[in-house]
Every structure is written in C-alpha cells, then in structure tokens.
Amino acid sequence: MTTTESNASRVKHSRPFERRDGENPYQVQRDLQDTMQDLVGIVRNEREMREALEKIDDLKKARGKGPQPAAIVNTTPVGILRSI
C-alpha cells in the first residue's frame, strides 16, 4: 500500500468520527453493545437471538438501511457493527 493509499484509507475510515452533525457513531456502538450484552451473551437461546436480530434491523432502519436477511454471515460484534 502506498502512502497516498494509506492516507486516503485513514481519511475515509475516520470520517464518521470527525463529523459535527448527524448521528453520533459512539451512540451507534452503545446501542449495538447494549443489544448484544442483553440478548447475545455467553448463554444463548433462539428467542433472544431472534429478538437481537430484530433490534439490529431496527437500528439499521433508524439509520436509513433496510433490514437484512435473518442469517448474518459475520456474527462477531465488529462484523455486526460494520453492517449497521
């Protein structure tokens, strides 16, 4: 990766954290973290997993993104956060 590419990537990925208006990215992370901690802990059951998926779809809708299929390919917290 060249220095120019590296700088462009840094600017692109830091943009959400530098904006002054619109939604706070830290609040997005908190909302997702609350959902994951409440419903997708170490001990999991189908009802809570489905409820978590519904809440994640609600978070996406609130941010202008439509619901995704029920199967999430990357179910790590980082993967889910990136999908929002």
Foldseek 3Di string as FASTA:
>chain_A
DDPVVVVVVVCVVCVQCPDDDDDNLVVLLVQLVVLCVVQPDPDHDDVSLQVSLVSLQVSCVVVVHHRDPSDDPDPDSVSSSVVD
